[in-house]
PDB file of N, CA and C in Angstrom:
ATOM      1  N   MET A   1       0.944  56.303  -3.877  1.00  0.00           N
ATOM      2  CA  MET A   1      -0.175  55.698  -4.155  1.00  0.00           C
ATOM      3  C   MET A   1      -0.056  54.124  -3.795  1.00  0.00           C
ATOM      4  N   GLU A   2       1.087  53.730  -4.361  1.00  0.00           N
ATOM      5  CA  GLU A   2       1.284  52.303  -3.815  1.00  0.00           C
ATOM      6  C   GLU A   2       1.379  52.240  -2.301  1.00  0.00           C
ATOM      7  N   GLU A   3       2.143  53.149  -1.545  1.00  0.00           N
ATOM      8  CA  GLU A   3       2.084  53.077  -0.117  1.00  0.00           C
ATOM      9  C   GLU A   3       0.702  52.921   0.409  1.00  0.00           C
ATOM     10  N   LYS A   4      -0.206  53.628  -0.148  1.00  0.00           N
ATOM     11  CA  LYS A   4      -1.649  53.816   0.381  1.00  0.00           C
ATOM     12  C   LYS A   4      -2.172  52.511   0.278  1.00  0.00           C
ATOM     13  N   ILE A   5      -2.178  51.723  -1.124  1.00  0.00           N
ATOM     14  CA  ILE A   5      -2.711  50.494  -1.443  1.00  0.00           C
ATOM     15  C   ILE A   5      -2.276  49.490  -0.428  1.00  0.00           C
ATOM     16  N   LEU A   6      -0.664  49.496  -0.174  1.00  0.00           N
ATOM     17  CA  LEU A   6      -0.120  48.496   0.716  1.00  0.00           C
ATOM     18  C   LEU A   6      -0.785  48.617   2.180  1.00  0.00           C
ATOM     19  N   ALA A   7      -0.876  49.894   2.714  1.00  0.00           N
ATOM     20  CA  ALA A   7      -1.422  50.114   4.017  1.00  0.00           C
ATOM     21  C   ALA A   7      -2.986  49.696   4.178  1.00  0.00           C
ATOM     22  N   GLU A   8      -3.601  50.003   3.091  1.00  0.00           N
ATOM     23  CA  GLU A   8      -5.011  49.317   2.937  1.00  0.00           C
ATOM     24  C   GLU A   8      -4.968  47.887   3.022  1.00  0.00           C
ATOM     25  N   LEU A   9      -4.145  47.088   2.400  1.00  0.00           N
ATOM     26  CA  LEU A   9      -4.073  45.909   2.241  1.00  0.00           C
ATOM     27  C   LEU A   9      -3.643  45.124   3.751  1.00  0.00           C
ATOM     28  N   GLN A  10      -2.729  45.797   4.430  1.00  0.00           N
ATOM     29  CA  GLN A  10      -2.229  45.363   5.681  1.00  0.00           C
ATOM     30  C   GLN A  10      -3.476  45.778   6.719  1.00  0.00           C
ATOM     31  N   SER A  11      -4.174  46.736   6.623  1.00  0.00           N
ATOM     32  CA  SER A  11      -5.512  46.717   7.351  1.00  0.00           C
ATOM     33  C   SER A  11      -6.580  45.753   7.237  1.00  0.00           C
ATOM     34  N   LEU A  12      -6.810  45.440   5.865  1.00  0.00           N
ATOM     35  CA  LEU A  12      -7.790  44.450   5.712  1.00  0.00           C
ATOM     36  C   LEU A  12      -7.228  43.137   6.195  1.00  0.00           C
ATOM     37  N   LYS A  13      -6.024  42.993   6.053  1.00  0.00           N
ATOM     38  CA  LYS A  13      -5.354  41.660   6.585  1.00  0.00           C
ATOM     39  C   LYS A  13      -5.715  41.585   8.166  1.00  0.00           C
ATOM     40  N   GLN A  14      -5.276  42.621   8.797  1.00  0.00           N
ATOM     41  CA  GLN A  14      -5.377  42.631  10.436  1.00  0.00           C
ATOM     42  C   GLN A  14      -6.710  42.440  10.666  1.00  0.00           C
ATOM     43  N   LEU A  15      -7.777  43.125   9.975  1.00  0.00           N
ATOM     44  CA  LEU A  15      -9.085  42.890  10.356  1.00  0.00           C
ATOM     45  C   LEU A  15      -9.794  41.435  10.122  1.00  0.00           C
ATOM     46  N   THR A  16      -9.185  40.898   9.124  1.00  0.00           N
ATOM     47  CA  THR A  16      -9.392  39.325   8.601  1.00  0.00           C
ATOM     48  C   THR A  16      -9.073  38.500   9.694  1.00  0.00           C
ATOM     49  N   LEU A  17      -7.784  38.683  10.356  1.00  0.00           N
ATOM     50  CA  LEU A  17      -7.349  37.812  11.374  1.00  0.00           C
ATOM     51  C   LEU A  17      -7.943  38.041  12.728  1.00  0.00           C
ATOM     52  N   LEU A  18      -8.405  39.303  12.955  1.00  0.00           N
ATOM     53  CA  LEU A  18      -9.102  39.801  13.953  1.00  0.00           C
ATOM     54  C   LEU A  18     -10.500  38.989  14.105  1.00  0.00           C
ATOM     55  N   ALA A  19     -11.250  38.809  12.871  1.00  0.00           N
ATOM     56  CA  ALA A  19     -12.404  38.220  12.789  1.00  0.00           C
ATOM     57  C   ALA A  19     -12.154  36.779  13.142  1.00  0.00           C
ATOM     58  N   ALA A  20     -11.258  36.078  12.932  1.00  0.00           N
ATOM     59  CA  ALA A  20     -11.096  34.750  13.218  1.00  0.00           C
ATOM     60  C   ALA A  20     -10.710  34.376  14.710  1.00  0.00           C
ATOM     61  N   LYS A  21     -10.174  35.332  15.378  1.00  0.00           N
ATOM     62  CA  LYS A  21      -9.627  35.301  16.777  1.00  0.00           C
ATOM     63  C   LYS A  21     -10.612  35.114  17.876  1.00  0.00           C
ATOM     64  N   SER A  22     -10.574  34.343  18.978  1.00  0.00           N
ATOM     65  CA  SER A  22     -11.441  34.528  19.893  1.00  0.00           C
ATOM     66  C   SER A  22     -10.882  35.067  21.210  1.00  0.00           C
ATOM     67  N   VAL A  23      -9.417  34.805  21.420  1.00  0.00           N
ATOM     68  CA  VAL A  23      -8.769  35.567  22.388  1.00  0.00           C
ATOM     69  C   VAL A  23      -7.888  36.571  21.643  1.00  0.00           C
ATOM     70  N   LEU A  24      -8.140  37.879  22.173  1.00  0.00           N
ATOM     71  CA  LEU A  24      -7.510  38.979  21.679  1.00  0.00           C
ATOM     72  C   LEU A  24      -6.335  39.675  22.524  1.00  0.00           C
ATOM     73  N   THR A  25      -5.254  40.001  21.815  1.00  0.00           N
ATOM     74  CA  THR A  25      -4.135  40.645  22.250  1.00  0.00           C
ATOM     75  C   THR A  25      -4.559  42.090  22.665  1.00  0.00           C
ATOM     76  N   PHE A  26      -3.869  42.900  23.322  1.00  0.00           N
ATOM     77  CA  PHE A  26      -4.226  44.291  23.594  1.00  0.00           C
ATOM     78  C   PHE A  26      -4.440  44.998  22.556  1.00  0.00           C
ATOM     79  N   GLU A  27      -3.491  44.988  21.444  1.00  0.00           N
ATOM     80  CA  GLU A  27      -3.503  45.621  20.128  1.00  0.00           C
ATOM     81  C   GLU A  27      -4.953  45.272  19.436  1.00  0.00           C
ATOM     82  N   ASP A  28      -5.174  44.036  19.400  1.00  0.00           N
ATOM     83  CA  ASP A  28      -6.378  43.605  18.856  1.00  0.00           C
ATOM     84  C   ASP A  28      -7.671  44.252  19.512  1.00  0.00           C
ATOM     85  N   ALA A  29      -7.665  44.403  20.772  1.00  0.00           N
ATOM     86  CA  ALA A  29      -8.656  44.887  21.442  1.00  0.00           C
ATOM     87  C   ALA A  29      -8.900  46.403  21.259  1.00  0.00           C
ATOM     88  N   VAL A  30      -7.611  47.029  20.951  1.00  0.00           N
ATOM     89  CA  VAL A  30      -7.722  48.565  20.710  1.00  0.00           C
ATOM     90  C   VAL A  30      -8.380  48.566  19.203  1.00  0.00           C
ATOM     91  N   THR A  31      -7.976  47.864  18.193  1.00  0.00           N
ATOM     92  CA  THR A  31      -8.636  47.831  16.971  1.00  0.00           C
ATOM     93  C   THR A  31     -10.079  47.514  17.090  1.00  0.00           C
ATOM     94  N   LEU A  32     -10.519  46.628  17.875  1.00  0.00           N
ATOM     95  CA  LEU A  32     -12.008  46.165  17.817  1.00  0.00           C
ATOM     96  C   LEU A  32     -12.982  47.202  18.540  1.00  0.00           C
ATOM     97  N   THR A  33     -12.298  47.841  19.424  1.00  0.00           N
ATOM     98  CA  THR A  33     -13.215  48.690  20.221  1.00  0.00           C
ATOM     99  C   THR A  33     -13.083  50.181  19.722  1.00  0.00           C
ATOM    100  N   GLY A  34     -11.975  50.468  19.019  1.00  0.00           N
ATOM    101  CA  GLY A  34     -11.677  51.758  18.506  1.00  0.00           C
ATOM    102  C   GLY A  34     -11.401  52.715  19.603  1.00  0.00           C
ATOM    103  N   LEU A  35     -10.934  52.292  20.787  1.00  0.00           N
ATOM    104  CA  LEU A  35     -10.429  53.144  21.837  1.00  0.00           C
ATOM    105  C   LEU A  35      -8.961  53.377  21.578  1.00  0.00           C
ATOM    106  N   SER A  36      -8.487  54.467  22.253  1.00  0.00           N
ATOM    107  CA  SER A  36      -7.073  54.590  22.064  1.00  0.00           C
ATOM    108  C   SER A  36      -6.404  53.766  23.048  1.00  0.00           C
ATOM    109  N   ARG A  37      -5.012  53.394  22.888  1.00  0.00           N
ATOM    110  CA  ARG A  37      -4.335  52.533  23.625  1.00  0.00           C
ATOM    111  C   ARG A  37      -4.364  53.018  25.277  1.00  0.00           C
ATOM    112  N   SER A  38      -4.181  54.428  25.257  1.00  0.00           N
ATOM    113  CA  SER A  38      -4.233  54.783  26.693  1.00  0.00           C
ATOM    114  C   SER A  38      -5.371  54.649  27.450  1.00  0.00           C
ATOM    115  N   SER A  39      -6.658  54.791  26.728  1.00  0.00           N
ATOM    116  CA  SER A  39      -7.851  54.682  27.051  1.00  0.00           C
ATOM    117  C   SER A  39      -8.194  53.381  27.625  1.00  0.00           C
ATOM    118  N   LEU A  40      -7.803  52.351  26.605  1.00  0.00           N
ATOM    119  CA  LEU A  40      -8.169  50.961  27.088  1.00  0.00           C
ATOM    120  C   LEU A  40      -7.234  50.461  28.291  1.00  0.00           C
ATOM    121  N   TYR A  41      -5.991  50.891  28.164  1.00  0.00           N
ATOM    122  CA  TYR A  41      -5.191  50.703  29.297  1.00  0.00           C
ATOM    123  C   TYR A  41      -5.687  51.335  30.802  1.00  0.00           C
ATOM    124  N   LYS A  42      -6.272  52.327  30.738  1.00  0.00           N
ATOM    125  CA  LYS A  42      -6.848  53.133  31.813  1.00  0.00           C
ATOM    126  C   LYS A  42      -8.200  52.267  32.266  1.00  0.00           C
ATOM    127  N   LYS A  43      -8.881  51.781  31.335  1.00  0.00           N
ATOM    128  CA  LYS A  43     -10.177  50.952  31.669  1.00  0.00           C
ATOM    129  C   LYS A  43      -9.552  49.604  32.361  1.00  0.00           C
ATOM    130  N   THR A  44      -8.714  49.133  31.858  1.00  0.00           N
ATOM    131  CA  THR A  44      -8.216  47.674  32.351  1.00  0.00           C
ATOM    132  C   THR A  44      -7.693  48.001  33.871  1.00  0.00           C
ATOM    133  N   SER A  45      -6.983  49.058  34.092  1.00  0.00           N
ATOM    134  CA  SER A  45      -6.303  49.119  35.273  1.00  0.00           C
ATOM    135  C   SER A  45      -7.492  49.518  36.376  1.00  0.00           C
ATOM    136  N   ARG A  46      -8.535  50.338  35.998  1.00  0.00           N
ATOM    137  CA  ARG A  46      -9.627  50.604  36.936  1.00  0.00           C
ATOM    138  C   ARG A  46     -10.636  49.289  36.962  1.00  0.00           C
ATOM    139  N   LYS A  47     -10.197  48.305  36.173  1.00  0.00           N
ATOM    140  CA  LYS A  47     -11.114  47.013  36.256  1.00  0.00           C
ATOM    141  C   LYS A  47     -12.548  47.367  35.489  1.00  0.00           C
ATOM    142  N   GLU A  48     -12.635  48.176  34.662  1.00  0.00           N
ATOM    143  CA  GLU A  48     -13.774  48.597  33.876  1.00  0.00           C
ATOM    144  C   GLU A  48     -14.271  47.657  32.623  1.00  0.00           C
ATOM    145  N   VAL A  49     -13.169  47.165  32.062  1.00  0.00           N
ATOM    146  CA  VAL A  49     -13.218  46.292  30.989  1.00  0.00           C
ATOM    147  C   VAL A  49     -12.960  44.717  31.371  1.00  0.00           C
ATOM    148  N   PRO A  50     -13.520  43.845  30.988  1.00  0.00           N
ATOM    149  CA  PRO A  50     -13.191  42.341  31.254  1.00  0.00           C
ATOM    150  C   PRO A  50     -11.816  42.080  30.604  1.00  0.00           C
ATOM    151  N   HIS A  51     -10.836  41.515  31.408  1.00  0.00           N
ATOM    152  CA  HIS A  51      -9.765  41.238  30.493  1.00  0.00           C
ATOM    153  C   HIS A  51      -8.935  40.055  31.445  1.00  0.00           C
ATOM    154  N   TYR A  52      -7.809  39.501  30.879  1.00  0.00           N
ATOM    155  CA  TYR A  52      -7.165  38.553  31.586  1.00  0.00           C
ATOM    156  C   TYR A  52      -5.640  39.105  31.617  1.00  0.00           C
ATOM    157  N   ARG A  53      -4.915  38.722  32.446  1.00  0.00           N
ATOM    158  CA  ARG A  53      -3.469  39.122  32.472  1.00  0.00           C
ATOM    159  C   ARG A  53      -2.570  37.743  32.722  1.00  0.00           C
ATOM    160  N   GLN A  54      -1.484  37.882  31.783  1.00  0.00           N
ATOM    161  CA  GLN A  54      -0.689  36.598  31.953  1.00  0.00           C
ATOM    162  C   GLN A  54       0.679  37.426  32.046  1.00  0.00           C
ATOM    163  N   GLY A  55       1.160  37.398  33.161  1.00  0.00           N
ATOM    164  CA  GLY A  55       2.370  38.251  33.405  1.00  0.00           C
ATOM    165  C   GLY A  55       2.092  39.800  33.164  1.00  0.00           C
ATOM    166  N   LYS A  56       2.819  40.121  32.389  1.00  0.00           N
ATOM    167  CA  LYS A  56       2.682  41.637  32.000  1.00  0.00           C
ATOM    168  C   LYS A  56       1.642  41.985  30.658  1.00  0.00           C
ATOM    169  N   LEU A  57       1.481  40.812  30.077  1.00  0.00           N
ATOM    170  CA  LEU A  57       0.574  40.788  28.970  1.00  0.00           C
ATOM    171  C   LEU A  57      -1.062  40.744  29.393  1.00  0.00           C
ATOM    172  N   LEU A  58      -1.639  41.594  28.478  1.00  0.00           N
ATOM    173  CA  LEU A  58      -3.082  41.488  28.773  1.00  0.00           C
ATOM    174  C   LEU A  58      -3.793  40.890  27.364  1.00  0.00           C
ATOM    175  N   TYR A  59      -4.888  40.035  27.792  1.00  0.00           N
ATOM    176  CA  TYR A  59      -5.695  39.399  26.840  1.00  0.00           C
ATOM    177  C   TYR A  59      -7.356  39.580  27.202  1.00  0.00           C
ATOM    178  N   PHE A  60      -7.675  39.555  26.115  1.00  0.00           N
ATOM    179  CA  PHE A  60      -9.308  39.793  25.975  1.00  0.00           C
ATOM    180  C   PHE A  60      -9.845  38.597  25.352  1.00  0.00           C
ATOM    181  N   ASP A  61     -11.241  38.276  25.828  1.00  0.00           N
ATOM    182  CA  ASP A  61     -11.995  37.239  25.236  1.00  0.00           C
ATOM    183  C   ASP A  61     -12.974  38.206  24.439  1.00  0.00           C
ATOM    184  N   LYS A  62     -12.915  37.814  23.063  1.00  0.00           N
ATOM    185  CA  LYS A  62     -13.725  38.760  22.130  1.00  0.00           C
ATOM    186  C   LYS A  62     -15.120  38.805  22.455  1.00  0.00           C
ATOM    187  N   LYS A  63     -15.810  37.713  22.842  1.00  0.00           N
ATOM    188  CA  LYS A  63     -17.182  37.792  23.295  1.00  0.00           C
ATOM    189  C   LYS A  63     -17.519  38.639  24.386  1.00  0.00           C
ATOM    190  N   GLU A  64     -16.636  38.592  25.300  1.00  0.00           N
ATOM    191  CA  GLU A  64     -16.853  39.187  26.565  1.00  0.00           C
ATOM    192  C   GLU A  64     -16.722  40.926  26.253  1.00  0.00           C
ATOM    193  N   LEU A  65     -15.652  41.052  25.244  1.00  0.00           N
ATOM    194  CA  LEU A  65     -15.518  42.373  25.005  1.00  0.00           C
ATOM    195  C   LEU A  65     -16.551  43.013  24.196  1.00  0.00           C
ATOM    196  N   GLU A  66     -17.113  42.208  23.395  1.00  0.00           N
ATOM    197  CA  GLU A  66     -18.152  42.813  22.526  1.00  0.00           C
ATOM    198  C   GLU A  66     -19.541  42.926  23.471  1.00  0.00           C
ATOM    199  N   ALA A  67     -19.617  42.141  24.302  1.00  0.00           N
ATOM    200  CA  ALA A  67     -20.819  42.114  25.316  1.00  0.00           C
ATOM    201  C   ALA A  67     -20.584  43.343  26.205  1.00  0.00           C
ATOM    202  N   TRP A  68     -19.538  43.813  26.435  1.00  0.00           N
ATOM    203  CA  TRP A  68     -19.163  44.974  27.424  1.00  0.00           C
ATOM    204  C   TRP A  68     -19.273  46.266  26.439  1.00  0.00           C
ATOM    205  N   MET A  69     -19.102  46.081  25.364  1.00  0.00           N
ATOM    206  CA  MET A  69     -19.339  47.258  24.342  1.00  0.00           C
ATOM    207  C   MET A  69     -20.843  47.513  24.227  1.00  0.00           C
ATOM    208  N   ARG A  70     -21.660  46.519  24.453  1.00  0.00           N
ATOM    209  CA  ARG A  70     -23.116  46.692  24.073  1.00  0.00           C
ATOM    210  C   ARG A  70     -23.861  46.830  25.505  1.00  0.00           C
ATOM    211  N   GLU A  71     -23.179  47.111  26.573  1.00  0.00           N
ATOM    212  CA  GLU A  71     -23.876  47.004  28.017  1.00  0.00           C
ATOM    213  C   GLU A  71     -24.735  48.404  28.080  1.00  0.00           C
ATOM    214  N   ASN A  72     -24.441  49.267  27.625  1.00  0.00           N
ATOM    215  CA  ASN A  72     -25.186  50.634  27.810  1.00  0.00           C
ATOM    216  C   ASN A  72     -25.896  51.106  26.655  1.00  0.00           C
ATOM    217  N   LYS A  73     -26.710  50.149  26.186  1.00  0.00           N
ATOM    218  CA  LYS A  73     -27.788  50.495  25.108  1.00  0.00           C
ATOM    219  C   LYS A  73     -28.730  51.684  25.215  1.00  0.00           C
ATOM    220  N   VAL A  74     -28.779  52.495  24.392  1.00  0.00           N
ATOM    221  CA  VAL A  74     -29.788  53.630  24.438  1.00  0.00           C
ATOM    222  C   VAL A  74     -31.042  53.271  23.761  1.00  0.00           C
ATOM    223  N   ALA A  75     -32.103  53.351  24.558  1.00  0.00           N
ATOM    224  CA  ALA A  75     -33.259  52.908  23.921  1.00  0.00           C
ATOM    225  C   ALA A  75     -33.958  53.873  22.786  1.00  0.00           C
ATOM    226  N   THR A  76     -34.502  53.254  21.803  1.00  0.00           N
ATOM    227  CA  THR A  76     -35.158  54.131  20.785  1.00  0.00           C
ATOM    228  C   THR A  76     -36.299  54.745  21.080  1.00  0.00           C
ATOM    229  N   VAL A  77     -36.673  55.960  20.621  1.00  0.00           N
ATOM    230  CA  VAL A  77     -37.978  56.289  20.845  1.00  0.00           C
ATOM    231  C   VAL A  77     -39.118  55.523  20.921  1.00  0.00           C
ATOM    232  N   SER A  78     -39.171  54.747  19.662  1.00  0.00           N
ATOM    233  CA  SER A  78     -40.360  53.616  19.891  1.00  0.00           C
ATOM    234  C   SER A  78     -40.266  52.591  21.026  1.00  0.00           C
ATOM    235  N   GLU A  79     -39.016  52.167  21.368  1.00  0.00           N
ATOM    236  CA  GLU A  79     -38.753  51.279  22.648  1.00  0.00           C
ATOM    237  C   GLU A  79     -39.518  52.118  23.932  1.00  0.00           C
ATOM    238  N   ILE A  80     -39.080  53.300  23.978  1.00  0.00           N
ATOM    239  CA  ILE A  80     -39.637  54.075  25.178  1.00  0.00           C
ATOM    240  C   ILE A  80     -41.072  54.224  25.168  1.00  0.00           C
ATOM    241  N   GLN A  81     -41.609  54.598  23.817  1.00  0.00           N
ATOM    242  CA  GLN A  81     -43.087  54.735  23.767  1.00  0.00           C
ATOM    243  C   GLN A  81     -43.910  53.317  24.065  1.00  0.00           C
ATOM    244  N   SER A  82     -43.394  52.268  23.633  1.00  0.00           N
ATOM    245  CA  SER A  82     -43.869  50.786  23.884  1.00  0.00           C
ATOM    246  C   SER A  82     -43.992  50.547  25.419  1.00  0.00           C
ATOM    247  N   GLU A  83     -42.706  50.900  26.105  1.00  0.00           N
ATOM    248  CA  GLU A  83     -42.572  50.735  27.536  1.00  0.00           C
ATOM    249  C   GLU A  83     -43.590  51.540  28.197  1.00  0.00           C
ATOM    250  N   ALA A  84     -43.645  52.763  27.774  1.00  0.00           N
ATOM    251  CA  ALA A  84     -44.699  53.684  28.527  1.00  0.00           C
ATOM    252  C   ALA A  84     -45.987  53.223  28.269  1.00  0.00           C
ATOM    253  N   LEU A  85     -46.529  52.802  27.106  1.00  0.00           N
ATOM    254  CA  LEU A  85     -47.858  52.278  26.887  1.00  0.00           C
ATOM    255  C   LEU A  85     -48.152  51.051  27.731  1.00  0.00           C
ATOM    256  N   SER A  86     -47.203  50.085  27.973  1.00  0.00           N
ATOM    257  CA  SER A  86     -47.231  49.026  28.460  1.00  0.00           C
ATOM    258  C   SER A  86     -47.396  49.199  30.002  1.00  0.00           C
ATOM    259  N   TYR A  87     -46.652  50.334  30.489  1.00  0.00           N
ATOM    260  CA  TYR A  87     -46.663  50.598  32.037  1.00  0.00           C
ATOM    261  C   TYR A  87     -48.081  51.077  32.307  1.00  0.00           C
ATOM    262  N   CYS A  88     -48.589  52.019  31.443  1.00  0.00           N
ATOM    263  CA  CYS A  88     -50.141  52.658  31.645  1.00  0.00           C
ATOM    264  C   CYS A  88     -50.952  51.645  31.583  1.00  0.00           C
ATOM    265  N   ALA A  89     -50.894  50.608  30.763  1.00  0.00           N
ATOM    266  CA  ALA A  89     -51.943  49.432  30.656  1.00  0.00           C
ATOM    267  C   ALA A  89     -51.900  48.668  31.700  1.00  0.00           C
ATOM    268  N   THR A  90     -50.709  48.467  32.440  1.00  0.00           N
ATOM    269  CA  THR A  90     -50.766  47.460  33.645  1.00  0.00           C
ATOM    270  C   THR A  90     -50.742  48.270  35.002  1.00  0.00           C
ATOM    271  N   ASN A  91     -50.724  49.551  34.990  1.00  0.00           N
ATOM    272  CA  ASN A  91     -50.740  50.219  36.299  1.00  0.00           C
ATOM    273  C   ASN A  91     -51.761  51.391  36.333  1.00  0.00           C
ATOM    274  N   GLN A  92     -52.854  50.889  35.910  1.00  0.00           N
ATOM    275  CA  GLN A  92     -54.222  51.920  35.813  1.00  0.00           C
ATOM    276  C   GLN A  92     -54.749  51.886  37.265  1.00  0.00           C
ATOM    277  N   ASN A  93     -54.819  53.247  37.842  1.00  0.00           N
ATOM    278  CA  ASN A  93     -55.520  53.128  39.238  1.00  0.00           C
ATOM    279  C   ASN A  93     -56.992  53.818  38.959  1.00  0.00           C
ATOM    280  N   TYR A  94     -57.906  52.858  39.377  1.00  0.00           N
ATOM    281  CA  TYR A  94     -59.271  53.263  39.092  1.00  0.00           C
ATOM    282  C   TYR A  94     -59.724  53.691  40.562  1.00  0.00           C
TER     283      TYR A  94
END
């Protein structure tokens, strides 16, 4: 029980520190994105995710990483319906 509480406290400490950072280490980026270490490393090697390299170390700009995570938004049904109505209203063929 005590070990579980200590693990939770360590997790909270890590998340609190992560919130205050603007430049993230590789491990911070893994935590923020929820990707596995190997998946994130593959994405950096394929240049699919914005990152910086200092020697062998990888760094990430938190805002760039968050923007990358939001790139492929899936439209809601109401957004699609609104777009369809707008298209029909502006492209009437009489």
